[in-house]
Structures are given as C-alpha cells and as structure tokens.
Amino acid sequence: MSTESLNRTSELETPSQFVEAPKRVNVDVLKQRLLQEKKKEKVKRTIILSSVIVSLGALTMLTY
C-alpha cells in the first residue's frame, strides 16, 4: 500500500514543471504575412470592383 501511495504522488505533477519560456516571434515573418494578407485583400477588391464595372457596362450596352 505504501508503494501505491508513492506511485500516485509521483504521478502528480506540479505546475512549475510546465512553465515554459515564451517562444520568440520573428517580426519579419509577421510583417511578411501581413503584407501578403493585404495584397490578397487588394486583389479581391480589384476583382469585385472590375466585375461591377463590367456588369454595369454590359447592362448599359444591352439597354441601348
């Protein structure tokens, strides 16, 4: 019985064992990701705007 209690207490882990140092973040990588996201958004906006303009032009041509 004493070995069982020792085994159980050894299985308990203290929170201090899980404390890890914060991982370093590369700022250049984050900036690159941000630029890529902005570029994708700009392309999306350009496609939407151009499709709206082409649609309006097509409707104008069909009405005359």
N, C-alpha and C. Protein backbone atom coordinates (compact mmCIF):
# COMPACT_ATOMS: atom_id res chain seq x y z
N MET A 1 0.83 -1.18 0.00
CA MET A 1 0.00 0.00 0.00
C MET A 1 0.87 1.25 0.00
N SER A 2 1.97 1.20 0.65
CA SER A 2 2.83 2.38 0.68
C SER A 2 3.44 2.65 -0.68
N THR A 3 3.71 1.60 -1.46
CA THR A 3 4.26 1.82 -2.80
C THR A 3 3.21 2.41 -3.72
N GLU A 4 1.95 2.02 -3.50
CA GLU A 4 0.89 2.60 -4.32
C GLU A 4 0.74 4.08 -4.04
N SER A 5 0.81 4.46 -2.81
CA SER A 5 0.69 5.88 -2.48
C SER A 5 1.89 6.66 -3.01
N LEU A 6 3.07 6.05 -2.98
CA LEU A 6 4.24 6.71 -3.55
C LEU A 6 4.10 6.86 -5.06
N ASN A 7 3.58 5.85 -5.70
CA ASN A 7 3.38 5.92 -7.14
C ASN A 7 2.38 7.01 -7.50
N ARG A 8 1.32 7.13 -6.73
CA ARG A 8 0.32 8.15 -7.00
C ARG A 8 0.89 9.55 -6.80
N THR A 9 1.68 9.73 -5.79
CA THR A 9 2.25 11.06 -5.56
C THR A 9 3.30 11.39 -6.60
N SER A 10 3.97 10.39 -7.13
CA SER A 10 4.95 10.68 -8.17
C SER A 10 4.27 11.02 -9.49
N GLU A 11 3.04 10.55 -9.68
CA GLU A 11 2.31 10.85 -10.90
C GLU A 11 1.79 12.28 -10.89
N LEU A 12 1.58 12.84 -9.73
CA LEU A 12 1.11 14.22 -9.65
C LEU A 12 2.23 15.13 -10.10
N GLU A 13 1.89 16.07 -10.94
CA GLU A 13 2.91 16.97 -11.47
C GLU A 13 2.59 18.38 -11.00
N THR A 14 3.59 19.07 -10.66
CA THR A 14 3.40 20.44 -10.18
C THR A 14 3.34 21.38 -11.37
N PRO A 15 2.64 22.48 -11.22
CA PRO A 15 2.53 23.44 -12.32
C PRO A 15 3.88 24.04 -12.71
N SER A 16 4.82 24.07 -11.80
CA SER A 16 6.11 24.67 -12.12
C SER A 16 6.87 23.86 -13.17
N GLN A 17 6.51 22.59 -13.33
CA GLN A 17 7.18 21.77 -14.33
C GLN A 17 6.73 22.16 -15.74
N PHE A 18 5.55 22.75 -15.87
CA PHE A 18 5.01 23.08 -17.17
C PHE A 18 5.29 24.51 -17.60
N VAL A 19 5.92 25.28 -16.76
CA VAL A 19 6.20 26.67 -17.10
C VAL A 19 7.29 26.69 -18.16
N GLU A 20 6.95 27.25 -19.30
CA GLU A 20 7.91 27.33 -20.40
C GLU A 20 8.19 28.80 -20.69
N ALA A 21 9.36 29.04 -21.16
CA ALA A 21 9.69 30.40 -21.57
C ALA A 21 8.90 30.72 -22.84
N PRO A 22 8.41 31.95 -22.97
CA PRO A 22 7.65 32.29 -24.17
C PRO A 22 8.52 32.15 -25.41
N LYS A 23 7.91 31.63 -26.45
CA LYS A 23 8.66 31.43 -27.69
C LYS A 23 8.89 32.78 -28.35
N ARG A 24 10.02 32.91 -28.98
CA ARG A 24 10.34 34.16 -29.67
C ARG A 24 9.58 34.22 -30.98
N VAL A 25 9.16 35.41 -31.32
CA VAL A 25 8.41 35.62 -32.54
C VAL A 25 9.27 36.46 -33.49
N ASN A 26 9.38 35.99 -34.70
CA ASN A 26 10.14 36.72 -35.70
C ASN A 26 9.24 37.79 -36.30
N VAL A 27 9.59 39.04 -36.08
CA VAL A 27 8.75 40.16 -36.52
C VAL A 27 8.71 40.24 -38.04
N ASP A 28 9.81 39.92 -38.68
CA ASP A 28 9.85 39.98 -40.14
C ASP A 28 8.85 39.00 -40.76
N VAL A 29 8.72 37.83 -40.16
CA VAL A 29 7.77 36.85 -40.67
C VAL A 29 6.34 37.37 -40.51
N LEU A 30 6.06 38.00 -39.38
CA LEU A 30 4.72 38.55 -39.16
C LEU A 30 4.42 39.68 -40.13
N LYS A 31 5.41 40.53 -40.38
CA LYS A 31 5.22 41.62 -41.34
C LYS A 31 4.96 41.07 -42.73
N GLN A 32 5.69 40.03 -43.10
CA GLN A 32 5.52 39.41 -44.42
C GLN A 32 4.11 38.82 -44.55
N ARG A 33 3.63 38.17 -43.50
CA ARG A 33 2.28 37.61 -43.53
C ARG A 33 1.24 38.71 -43.67
N LEU A 34 1.45 39.81 -42.94
CA LEU A 34 0.52 40.93 -43.00
C LEU A 34 0.49 41.53 -44.40
N LEU A 35 1.66 41.68 -45.01
CA LEU A 35 1.71 42.20 -46.38
C LEU A 35 1.01 41.27 -47.36
N GLN A 36 1.19 39.96 -47.19
CA GLN A 36 0.53 39.00 -48.07
C GLN A 36 -0.99 39.08 -47.93
N GLU A 37 -1.47 39.23 -46.70
CA GLU A 37 -2.91 39.33 -46.48
C GLU A 37 -3.46 40.60 -47.11
N LYS A 38 -2.73 41.71 -46.96
CA LYS A 38 -3.18 42.96 -47.56
C LYS A 38 -3.20 42.86 -49.08
N LYS A 39 -2.22 42.19 -49.64
CA LYS A 39 -2.16 42.03 -51.09
C LYS A 39 -3.35 41.20 -51.58
N LYS A 40 -3.68 40.14 -50.85
CA LYS A 40 -4.83 39.30 -51.22
C LYS A 40 -6.13 40.11 -51.16
N GLU A 41 -6.27 40.94 -50.11
CA GLU A 41 -7.47 41.76 -49.97
C GLU A 41 -7.57 42.75 -51.12
N LYS A 42 -6.44 43.33 -51.50
CA LYS A 42 -6.44 44.30 -52.59
C LYS A 42 -6.85 43.64 -53.90
N VAL A 43 -6.36 42.43 -54.14
CA VAL A 43 -6.73 41.70 -55.35
C VAL A 43 -8.23 41.40 -55.34
N LYS A 44 -8.75 40.99 -54.19
CA LYS A 44 -10.19 40.70 -54.09
C LYS A 44 -11.02 41.94 -54.40
N ARG A 45 -10.62 43.08 -53.79
CA ARG A 45 -11.36 44.32 -54.03
C ARG A 45 -11.30 44.73 -55.49
N THR A 46 -10.14 44.56 -56.10
CA THR A 46 -9.97 44.92 -57.51
C THR A 46 -10.86 44.05 -58.39
N ILE A 47 -10.91 42.76 -58.11
CA ILE A 47 -11.73 41.85 -58.90
C ILE A 47 -13.21 42.20 -58.75
N ILE A 48 -13.64 42.46 -57.53
CA ILE A 48 -15.04 42.80 -57.30
C ILE A 48 -15.40 44.10 -57.99
N LEU A 49 -14.55 45.11 -57.84
CA LEU A 49 -14.83 46.41 -58.46
C LEU A 49 -14.86 46.30 -59.98
N SER A 50 -13.91 45.58 -60.55
CA SER A 50 -13.88 45.45 -62.01
C SER A 50 -15.08 44.66 -62.52
N SER A 51 -15.51 43.65 -61.78
CA SER A 51 -16.68 42.89 -62.21
C SER A 51 -17.94 43.74 -62.14
N VAL A 52 -18.04 44.62 -61.15
CA VAL A 52 -19.20 45.51 -61.06
C VAL A 52 -19.19 46.49 -62.23
N ILE A 53 -18.03 47.04 -62.55
CA ILE A 53 -17.94 47.99 -63.66
C ILE A 53 -18.26 47.32 -64.99
N VAL A 54 -17.74 46.12 -65.19
CA VAL A 54 -18.03 45.39 -66.43
C VAL A 54 -19.51 45.04 -66.51
N SER A 55 -20.11 44.66 -65.40
CA SER A 55 -21.55 44.33 -65.39
C SER A 55 -22.38 45.56 -65.74
N LEU A 56 -22.02 46.70 -65.15
CA LEU A 56 -22.76 47.93 -65.47
C LEU A 56 -22.58 48.31 -66.93
N GLY A 57 -21.38 48.13 -67.45
CA GLY A 57 -21.13 48.42 -68.86
C GLY A 57 -21.94 47.50 -69.76
N ALA A 58 -22.01 46.22 -69.41
CA ALA A 58 -22.78 45.27 -70.21
C ALA A 58 -24.25 45.60 -70.17
N LEU A 59 -24.76 45.96 -69.01
CA LEU A 59 -26.18 46.35 -68.91
C LEU A 59 -26.46 47.61 -69.71
N THR A 60 -25.53 48.54 -69.69
CA THR A 60 -25.70 49.77 -70.46
C THR A 60 -25.72 49.46 -71.94
N MET A 61 -24.83 48.58 -72.39
CA MET A 61 -24.79 48.23 -73.81
C MET A 61 -26.06 47.49 -74.23
N LEU A 62 -26.61 46.68 -73.34
CA LEU A 62 -27.82 45.92 -73.69
C LEU A 62 -29.06 46.82 -73.74
N THR A 63 -29.07 47.88 -72.95
CA THR A 63 -30.25 48.74 -72.92
C THR A 63 -30.34 49.65 -74.13
N TYR A 64 -29.23 49.92 -74.80
CA TYR A 64 -29.26 50.82 -75.96
C TYR A 64 -29.34 50.08 -77.23
